[in-house]
C-alpha atoms as a PDB file:
ATOM      1  CA  MET A   1      12.097  62.956 -63.198  1.00  0.00           C
ATOM      2  CA  LYS A   2      10.288  60.244 -65.141  1.00  0.00           C
ATOM      3  CA  GLN A   3      13.568  58.484 -65.917  1.00  0.00           C
ATOM      4  CA  ALA A   4      14.559  58.550 -62.241  1.00  0.00           C
ATOM      5  CA  SER A   5      11.208  57.087 -61.172  1.00  0.00           C
ATOM      6  CA  LEU A   6      11.481  54.382 -63.780  1.00  0.00           C
ATOM      7  CA  LEU A   7      14.996  53.560 -62.643  1.00  0.00           C
ATOM      8  CA  ILE A   8      13.875  53.289 -59.020  1.00  0.00           C
ATOM      9  CA  MET A   9      10.961  51.036 -59.992  1.00  0.00           C
ATOM     10  CA  ILE A  10      13.199  48.751 -62.058  1.00  0.00           C
ATOM     11  CA  LEU A  11      15.683  48.600 -59.185  1.00  0.00           C
ATOM     12  CA  PHE A  12      12.893  47.725 -56.696  1.00  0.00           C
ATOM     13  CA  VAL A  13      11.606  44.942 -58.909  1.00  0.00           C
ATOM     14  CA  TRP A  14      15.119  43.577 -59.324  1.00  0.00           C
ATOM     15  CA  ILE A  15      15.749  43.639 -55.560  1.00  0.00           C
ATOM     16  CA  THR A  16      12.421  41.903 -54.866  1.00  0.00           C
ATOM     17  CA  ALA A  17      13.144  39.253 -57.473  1.00  0.00           C
ATOM     18  CA  SER A  18      16.632  38.787 -56.048  1.00  0.00           C
ATOM     19  CA  GLN A  19      15.252  38.306 -52.511  1.00  0.00           C
ATOM     20  CA  ALA A  20      12.690  35.800 -53.734  1.00  0.00           C
ATOM     21  CA  GLN A  21      15.457  33.944 -55.512  1.00  0.00           C
ATOM     22  CA  ASN A  22      17.472  33.781 -52.252  1.00  0.00           C
ATOM     23  CA  GLU A  23      14.462  32.493 -50.318  1.00  0.00           C
ATOM     24  CA  ARG A  24      13.872  29.736 -52.839  1.00  0.00           C
ATOM     25  CA  LYS A  25      17.565  28.961 -52.706  1.00  0.00           C
ATOM     26  CA  PHE A  26      17.302  28.300 -48.970  1.00  0.00           C
ATOM     27  CA  VAL A  27      14.247  26.106 -49.528  1.00  0.00           C
ATOM     28  CA  ARG A  28      15.943  24.137 -52.312  1.00  0.00           C
ATOM     29  CA  GLN A  29      18.977  23.581 -50.119  1.00  0.00           C
ATOM     30  CA  GLY A  30      16.761  22.527 -47.239  1.00  0.00           C
ATOM     31  CA  ASN A  31      14.975  20.063 -49.506  1.00  0.00           C
ATOM     32  CA  LYS A  32      18.328  18.566 -50.564  1.00  0.00           C
ATOM     33  CA  TYR A  33      19.292  17.983 -46.940  1.00  0.00           C
ATOM     34  CA  TYR A  34      15.840  16.529 -46.219  1.00  0.00           C
ATOM     35  CA  GLU A  35      15.973  14.129 -49.175  1.00  0.00           C
ATOM     36  CA  ALA A  36      19.531  13.081 -48.332  1.00  0.00           C
ATOM     37  CA  ALA A  37      18.467  12.249 -44.770  1.00  0.00           C
ATOM     38  CA  ASN A  38      15.522  10.187 -46.051  1.00  0.00           C
ATOM     39  CA  LYS A  39      17.686   8.001 -48.292  1.00  0.00           C
ATOM     40  CA  ASP A  40      19.065   5.937 -45.413  1.00  0.00           C
ATOM     41  CA  THR A  41      15.983   4.185 -44.053  1.00  0.00           C
ATOM     42  CA  SER A  42      17.999   2.157 -41.520  1.00  0.00           C
ATOM     43  CA  ARG A  43      18.509   5.149 -39.245  1.00  0.00           C
ATOM     44  CA  ILE A  44      17.373   8.712 -38.626  1.00  0.00           C
ATOM     45  CA  ASP A  45      19.943  11.179 -39.888  1.00  0.00           C
ATOM     46  CA  THR A  46      19.252  13.972 -37.427  1.00  0.00           C
ATOM     47  CA  VAL A  47      22.257  15.947 -38.684  1.00  0.00           C
ATOM     48  CA  GLN A  48      20.837  16.296 -42.214  1.00  0.00           C
ATOM     49  CA  PHE A  49      17.332  16.996 -40.926  1.00  0.00           C
ATOM     50  CA  ASN A  50      18.747  19.685 -38.657  1.00  0.00           C
ATOM     51  CA  LYS A  51      20.502  21.295 -41.624  1.00  0.00           C
ATOM     52  CA  ALA A  52      17.207  21.235 -43.511  1.00  0.00           C
ATOM     53  CA  GLU A  53      15.498  22.909 -40.537  1.00  0.00           C
ATOM     54  CA  ILE A  54      18.066  25.703 -40.544  1.00  0.00           C
ATOM     55  CA  GLU A  55      17.598  26.353 -44.284  1.00  0.00           C
ATOM     56  CA  TYR A  56      13.801  26.438 -43.976  1.00  0.00           C
ATOM     57  CA  LEU A  57      14.091  28.899 -41.092  1.00  0.00           C
ATOM     58  CA  LYS A  58      16.266  31.158 -43.252  1.00  0.00           C
ATOM     59  CA  ALA A  59      13.603  31.149 -45.970  1.00  0.00           C
ATOM     60  CA  LEU A  60      10.801  31.804 -43.478  1.00  0.00           C
ATOM     61  CA  GLU A  61      12.641  34.839 -42.115  1.00  0.00           C
ATOM     62  CA  LYS A  62      11.947  36.409 -45.490  1.00  0.00           C
ATOM     63  CA  LYS A  63       8.486  34.927 -46.003  1.00  0.00           C
ATOM     64  CA  PRO A  64       7.091  33.710 -42.664  1.00  0.00           C
ATOM     65  CA  ASP A  65       3.550  32.971 -43.894  1.00  0.00           C
ATOM     66  CA  ASP A  66       4.431  30.555 -46.671  1.00  0.00           C
ATOM     67  CA  ALA A  67       2.334  27.458 -45.883  1.00  0.00           C
ATOM     68  CA  LYS A  68       4.490  25.035 -47.873  1.00  0.00           C
ATOM     69  CA  TRP A  69       7.752  26.124 -46.265  1.00  0.00           C
ATOM     70  CA  ASN A  70       6.184  26.022 -42.810  1.00  0.00           C
ATOM     71  CA  PHE A  71       5.010  22.501 -43.563  1.00  0.00           C
ATOM     72  CA  ASN A  72       8.538  21.522 -44.609  1.00  0.00           C
ATOM     73  CA  LEU A  73       9.909  22.983 -41.379  1.00  0.00           C
ATOM     74  CA  ALA A  74       7.354  21.070 -39.322  1.00  0.00           C
ATOM     75  CA  ASP A  75       8.298  17.845 -41.123  1.00  0.00           C
ATOM     76  CA  ALA A  76      11.995  18.454 -40.401  1.00  0.00           C
ATOM     77  CA  LEU A  77      11.200  19.014 -36.714  1.00  0.00           C
ATOM     78  CA  TYR A  78       9.140  15.817 -36.614  1.00  0.00           C
ATOM     79  CA  LYS A  79      11.954  13.799 -38.206  1.00  0.00           C
ATOM     80  CA  GLN A  80      14.307  15.009 -35.465  1.00  0.00           C
ATOM     81  CA  LYS A  81      11.815  13.761 -32.855  1.00  0.00           C
ATOM     82  CA  LYS A  82      11.119  17.318 -31.737  1.00  0.00           C
ATOM     83  CA  PHE A  83       7.490  16.331 -31.371  1.00  0.00           C
ATOM     84  CA  ASP A  84       6.385  19.217 -29.157  1.00  0.00           C
ATOM     85  CA  GLN A  85       7.738  21.749 -31.652  1.00  0.00           C
ATOM     86  CA  SER A  86       6.365  19.904 -34.680  1.00  0.00           C
ATOM     87  CA  ALA A  87       2.925  19.661 -33.033  1.00  0.00           C
ATOM     88  CA  GLU A  88       2.937  23.405 -32.389  1.00  0.00           C
ATOM     89  CA  LYS A  89       3.907  24.121 -36.003  1.00  0.00           C
ATOM     90  CA  PHE A  90       1.328  21.712 -37.520  1.00  0.00           C
ATOM     91  CA  GLN A  91      -1.375  23.229 -35.297  1.00  0.00           C
ATOM     92  CA  GLU A  92      -0.366  26.697 -36.491  1.00  0.00           C
ATOM     93  CA  ILE A  93      -0.596  25.599 -40.147  1.00  0.00           C
ATOM     94  CA  ALA A  94      -4.003  23.963 -39.606  1.00  0.00           C
ATOM     95  CA  ASP A  95      -5.345  27.115 -37.939  1.00  0.00           C
ATOM     96  CA  LYS A  96      -4.159  29.431 -40.711  1.00  0.00           C
ATOM     97  CA  THR A  97      -5.044  27.510 -43.870  1.00  0.00           C
ATOM     98  CA  THR A  98      -8.552  27.514 -45.346  1.00  0.00           C
ATOM     99  CA  ASN A  99      -7.800  24.699 -47.797  1.00  0.00           C
ATOM    100  CA  LYS A 100      -9.436  21.550 -46.421  1.00  0.00           C
ATOM    101  CA  ILE A 101      -6.888  19.159 -47.935  1.00  0.00           C
ATOM    102  CA  GLU A 102      -3.957  21.150 -46.542  1.00  0.00           C
ATOM    103  CA  LYS A 103      -5.740  21.466 -43.181  1.00  0.00           C
ATOM    104  CA  SER A 104      -6.343  17.702 -43.173  1.00  0.00           C
ATOM    105  CA  ARG A 105      -2.656  16.999 -43.873  1.00  0.00           C
ATOM    106  CA  ALA A 106      -1.550  19.344 -41.087  1.00  0.00           C
ATOM    107  CA  LEU A 107      -4.005  17.789 -38.620  1.00  0.00           C
ATOM    108  CA  HIS A 108      -2.923  14.285 -39.647  1.00  0.00           C
ATOM    109  CA  ASN A 109       0.703  15.132 -38.859  1.00  0.00           C
ATOM    110  CA  LEU A 110      -0.410  16.876 -35.681  1.00  0.00           C
ATOM    111  CA  GLY A 111      -2.001  13.591 -34.658  1.00  0.00           C
ATOM    112  CA  ASN A 112       1.250  11.771 -35.436  1.00  0.00           C
ATOM    113  CA  SER A 113       3.212  14.207 -33.276  1.00  0.00           C
ATOM    114  CA  TYR A 114       0.853  13.660 -30.342  1.00  0.00           C
ATOM    115  CA  LEU A 115       0.927   9.904 -30.903  1.00  0.00           C
ATOM    116  CA  MET A 116       4.711   9.832 -30.635  1.00  0.00           C
ATOM    117  CA  LYS A 117       4.424  11.629 -27.283  1.00  0.00           C
ATOM    118  CA  ASN A 118       1.837   9.042 -26.174  1.00  0.00           C
ATOM    119  CA  LYS A 119      -0.780  11.792 -25.882  1.00  0.00           C
ATOM    120  CA  LEU A 120      -3.489   9.472 -27.135  1.00  0.00           C
ATOM    121  CA  ASP A 121      -6.540  11.645 -26.429  1.00  0.00           C
ATOM    122  CA  GLU A 122      -5.014  14.603 -28.283  1.00  0.00           C
ATOM    123  CA  SER A 123      -3.882  12.335 -31.110  1.00  0.00           C
ATOM    124  CA  ILE A 124      -7.364  10.810 -31.558  1.00  0.00           C
ATOM    125  CA  SER A 125      -8.932  14.272 -31.569  1.00  0.00           C
ATOM    126  CA  ALA A 126      -6.485  15.509 -34.252  1.00  0.00           C
ATOM    127  CA  TYR A 127      -7.146  12.496 -36.510  1.00  0.00           C
ATOM    128  CA  LYS A 128     -10.897  13.009 -36.190  1.00  0.00           C
ATOM    129  CA  ASP A 129     -10.515  16.672 -37.142  1.00  0.00           C
ATOM    130  CA  ALA A 130      -8.399  15.635 -40.115  1.00  0.00           C
ATOM    131  CA  LEU A 131     -11.126  13.231 -41.305  1.00  0.00           C
ATOM    132  CA  ARG A 132     -13.770  15.934 -40.986  1.00  0.00           C
ATOM    133  CA  ASN A 133     -11.814  17.900 -43.573  1.00  0.00           C
ATOM    134  CA  ASN A 134     -10.936  14.886 -45.732  1.00  0.00           C
ATOM    135  CA  PRO A 135     -13.166  11.880 -44.943  1.00  0.00           C
ATOM    136  CA  LYS A 136     -11.587   9.732 -47.658  1.00  0.00           C
ATOM    137  CA  ASP A 137      -8.068   9.780 -46.215  1.00  0.00           C
ATOM    138  CA  LEU A 138      -7.397   6.077 -45.560  1.00  0.00           C
ATOM    139  CA  GLU A 139      -4.061   6.667 -43.847  1.00  0.00           C
ATOM    140  CA  THR A 140      -5.695   8.955 -41.292  1.00  0.00           C
ATOM    141  CA  LYS A 141      -8.430   6.359 -40.716  1.00  0.00           C
ATOM    142  CA  TYR A 142      -5.783   3.711 -40.085  1.00  0.00           C
ATOM    143  CA  ASN A 143      -3.858   5.961 -37.679  1.00  0.00           C
ATOM    144  CA  LEU A 144      -7.082   6.832 -35.860  1.00  0.00           C
ATOM    145  CA  LEU A 145      -7.925   3.152 -35.355  1.00  0.00           C
ATOM    146  CA  TYR A 146      -4.352   2.486 -34.232  1.00  0.00           C
ATOM    147  CA  ALA A 147      -4.494   5.309 -31.659  1.00  0.00           C
ATOM    148  CA  MET A 148      -7.909   4.151 -30.408  1.00  0.00           C
ATOM    149  CA  ASN A 149      -6.598   0.592 -30.041  1.00  0.00           C
ATOM    150  CA  MET A 150      -3.620   1.876 -28.047  1.00  0.00           C
ATOM    151  CA  LYS A 151      -6.020   3.855 -25.865  1.00  0.00           C
ATOM    152  CA  LYS A 152      -8.086   0.718 -25.203  1.00  0.00           C
ATOM    153  CA  LYS A 153      -4.969  -1.278 -24.299  1.00  0.00           C
ATOM    154  CA  GLN A 154      -3.895   1.527 -21.983  1.00  0.00           C
ATOM    155  CA  GLN A 155      -7.296   1.537 -20.275  1.00  0.00           C
ATOM    156  CA  ASP A 156      -7.240  -2.262 -19.958  1.00  0.00           C
ATOM    157  CA  GLN A 157      -3.785  -2.121 -18.415  1.00  0.00           C
ATOM    158  CA  GLN A 158      -4.886   0.600 -15.999  1.00  0.00           C
ATOM    159  CA  LYS A 159      -7.849  -1.571 -14.996  1.00  0.00           C
ATOM    160  CA  LYS A 160      -5.536  -4.541 -14.432  1.00  0.00           C
ATOM    161  CA  ASP A 161      -3.227  -2.391 -12.327  1.00  0.00           C
ATOM    162  CA  GLN A 162      -6.186  -1.141 -10.290  1.00  0.00           C
ATOM    163  CA  ASP A 163      -7.392  -4.717  -9.782  1.00  0.00           C
ATOM    164  CA  LYS A 164      -3.896  -5.712  -8.667  1.00  0.00           C
ATOM    165  CA  ASP A 165      -3.855  -2.833  -6.207  1.00  0.00           C
ATOM    166  CA  LYS A 166      -7.255  -3.941  -4.888  1.00  0.00           C
ATOM    167  CA  ASP A 167      -5.975  -7.513  -4.523  1.00  0.00           C
ATOM    168  CA  LYS A 168      -2.920  -6.207  -2.692  1.00  0.00           C
ATOM    169  CA  ASP A 169      -5.165  -4.233  -0.363  1.00  0.00           C
ATOM    170  CA  LYS A 170      -7.289  -7.330   0.219  1.00  0.00           C
ATOM    171  CA  ASP A 171      -4.158  -9.354   0.968  1.00  0.00           C
ATOM    172  CA  LYS A 172      -2.993  -6.665   3.368  1.00  0.00           C
ATOM    173  CA  ASP A 173      -6.379  -6.667   5.105  1.00  0.00           C
ATOM    174  CA  GLN A 174      -6.325 -10.454   5.296  1.00  0.00           C
ATOM    175  CA  ASP A 175      -2.804 -10.369   6.697  1.00  0.00           C
ATOM    176  CA  LYS A 176      -3.942  -7.892   9.320  1.00  0.00           C
ATOM    177  CA  LYS A 177      -6.899 -10.123  10.163  1.00  0.00           C
ATOM    178  CA  ASP A 178      -4.636 -13.181  10.378  1.00  0.00           C
ATOM    179  CA  GLN A 179      -2.186 -11.294  12.566  1.00  0.00           C
ATOM    180  CA  LYS A 180      -5.005 -10.151  14.829  1.00  0.00           C
ATOM    181  CA  LYS A 181      -6.341 -13.692  14.962  1.00  0.00           C
ATOM    182  CA  ASP A 182      -2.904 -15.046  15.850  1.00  0.00           C
ATOM    183  CA  GLN A 183      -2.475 -12.387  18.496  1.00  0.00           C
ATOM    184  CA  ASP A 184      -5.918 -13.129  19.938  1.00  0.00           C
ATOM    185  CA  GLN A 185      -5.047 -16.827  20.053  1.00  0.00           C
ATOM    186  CA  LYS A 186      -1.744 -16.056  21.767  1.00  0.00           C
ATOM    187  CA  ASN A 187      -3.547 -13.890  24.294  1.00  0.00           C
ATOM    188  CA  LYS A 188      -6.087 -16.647  24.864  1.00  0.00           C
ATOM    189  CA  ASP A 189      -3.351 -19.255  25.287  1.00  0.00           C
ATOM    190  CA  GLN A 190      -1.573 -16.999  27.745  1.00  0.00           C
ATOM    191  CA  GLN A 191      -4.776 -16.445  29.687  1.00  0.00           C
ATOM    192  CA  ASN A 192      -5.368 -20.208  29.859  1.00  0.00           C
ATOM    193  CA  LYS A 193      -1.802 -20.699  31.006  1.00  0.00           C
ATOM    194  CA  ASP A 194      -2.186 -18.031  33.684  1.00  0.00           C
ATOM    195  CA  GLN A 195      -5.461 -19.593  34.843  1.00  0.00           C
ATOM    196  CA  LYS A 196      -3.848 -23.024  35.076  1.00  0.00           C
ATOM    197  CA  GLN A 197      -0.974 -21.584  37.075  1.00  0.00           C
ATOM    198  CA  GLN A 198      -3.396 -19.851  39.406  1.00  0.00           C
ATOM    199  CA  GLN A 199      -5.395 -23.058  39.815  1.00  0.00           C
ATOM    200  CA  GLN A 200      -2.221 -25.011  40.481  1.00  0.00           C
ATOM    201  CA  GLN A 201      -1.096 -22.448  43.023  1.00  0.00           C
ATOM    202  CA  GLN A 202      -4.537 -22.612  44.682  1.00  0.00           C
ATOM    203  CA  GLN A 203      -4.409 -26.392  44.781  1.00  0.00           C
ATOM    204  CA  ASN A 204      -0.916 -26.272  46.238  1.00  0.00           C
ATOM    205  CA  LYS A 205      -2.114 -23.805  48.822  1.00  0.00           C
ATOM    206  CA  ILE A 206      -5.057 -26.020  49.804  1.00  0.00           C
ATOM    207  CA  SER A 207      -2.798 -29.055  49.995  1.00  0.00           C
ATOM    208  CA  LYS A 208      -0.470 -27.200  52.329  1.00  0.00           C
ATOM    209  CA  GLN A 209      -3.333 -26.150  54.543  1.00  0.00           C
ATOM    210  CA  ASN A 210      -4.605 -29.755  54.652  1.00  0.00           C
ATOM    211  CA  ALA A 211      -1.183 -30.978  55.562  1.00  0.00           C
ATOM    212  CA  GLU A 212      -0.914 -28.437  58.371  1.00  0.00           C
ATOM    213  CA  GLN A 213      -4.354 -29.431  59.657  1.00  0.00           C
ATOM    214  CA  MET A 214      -3.457 -33.115  59.577  1.00  0.00           C
ATOM    215  CA  LEU A 215      -0.207 -32.432  61.388  1.00  0.00           C
ATOM    216  CA  GLN A 216      -2.034 -30.418  64.010  1.00  0.00           C
ATOM    217  CA  ALA A 217      -4.529 -33.235  64.422  1.00  0.00           C
ATOM    218  CA  LEU A 218      -1.734 -35.749  64.893  1.00  0.00           C
ATOM    219  CA  GLU A 219      -0.099 -33.504  67.455  1.00  0.00           C
ATOM    220  CA  ASN A 220      -3.392 -33.163  69.317  1.00  0.00           C
ATOM    221  CA  ASN A 221      -3.936 -36.917  69.304  1.00  0.00           C
ATOM    222  CA  GLU A 222      -0.428 -37.516  70.542  1.00  0.00           C
ATOM    223  CA  LYS A 223      -0.954 -35.048  73.369  1.00  0.00           C
ATOM    224  CA  LYS A 224      -4.208 -36.758  74.371  1.00  0.00           C
ATOM    225  CA  ILE A 225      -2.446 -40.103  74.365  1.00  0.00           C
ATOM    226  CA  GLN A 226       0.374 -38.712  76.502  1.00  0.00           C
ATOM    227  CA  ASP A 227      -2.179 -37.219  78.886  1.00  0.00           C
ATOM    228  CA  LYS A 228      -3.906 -40.608  79.232  1.00  0.00           C
ATOM    229  CA  VAL A 229      -0.550 -42.323  79.812  1.00  0.00           C
ATOM    230  CA  LYS A 230       0.251 -39.834  82.547  1.00  0.00           C
ATOM    231  CA  LYS A 231      -3.129 -40.407  84.207  1.00  0.00           C
ATOM    232  CA  ILE A 232      -2.687 -44.173  84.107  1.00  0.00           C
ATOM    233  CA  GLN A 233       0.815 -43.847  85.548  1.00  0.00           C
ATOM    234  CA  ALA A 234      -0.536 -41.570  88.258  1.00  0.00           C
ATOM    235  CA  LEU A 235      -3.259 -44.053  89.151  1.00  0.00           C
ATOM    236  CA  LYS A 236      -0.756 -46.856  89.344  1.00  0.00           C
ATOM    237  CA  ALA A 237       1.487 -44.855  91.594  1.00  0.00           C
ATOM    238  CA  GLU A 238      -1.423 -44.010  93.864  1.00  0.00           C
ATOM    239  CA  SER A 239      -2.448 -47.679  94.019  1.00  0.00           C
ATOM    240  CA  LYS A 240       1.046 -48.784  95.084  1.00  0.00           C
ATOM    241  CA  LYS A 241       1.162 -46.145  97.749  1.00  0.00           C
ATOM    242  CA  VAL A 242      -2.085 -47.376  99.336  1.00  0.00           C
ATOM    243  CA  GLU A 243      -0.856 -50.986  99.466  1.00  0.00           C
ATOM    244  CA  LYS A 244       2.203 -49.983 101.483  1.00  0.00           C
ATOM    245  CA  ASP A 245       0.075 -48.248 104.017  1.00  0.00           C
ATOM    246  CA  TRP A 246      -1.756 -51.521 104.600  1.00  0.00           C
END
């Protein structure tokens, strides 16, 4: 019985050692892919970084809580511009580790991931947390200042855009005022025109009435004259008649 137990124990130790060896093998292979991708600085070799990611995932299937391997995986994700995934992984590492230097490194890279997504508030917060754990980290200080400068530029640009919008609104209001003014002037001009036409029509009407009155007066005068002529003619005729009787 003792020999059997010893054999089982030796076998268990051998299997455990063999599994650990396989895990490290995946990590070593992942590191090779990662280093190969980093050699060409002129471009991002996403193919090699993706291969490294796959190898790190294989190792983490066996040992999911290994901080170093998780960090390597997060780096590989970041290099592939999978910034949402890398941010999630760096946040997970920062939450789990109690080592301030490791926490600072994870938070620094978390800030980088947010910065690449233009999430400036989150990035600034991550850098500040990193400096709380490692106040002497100059690179984090530089990145924090860079993110804060970008934030200021963004706010300045937003203010400029708002001012432009206000100016546009003012221009629109002024245009409306000018249009109303033009319309009021047109209405006024039309009213003046209508008044002039009415006055002209009234004058024409009065002139016509005057003409009719003058014509009537002439007709009356002519009738009076004709009546006088008839009376004179009648008197003459009467005078001739009397002379004959004599």
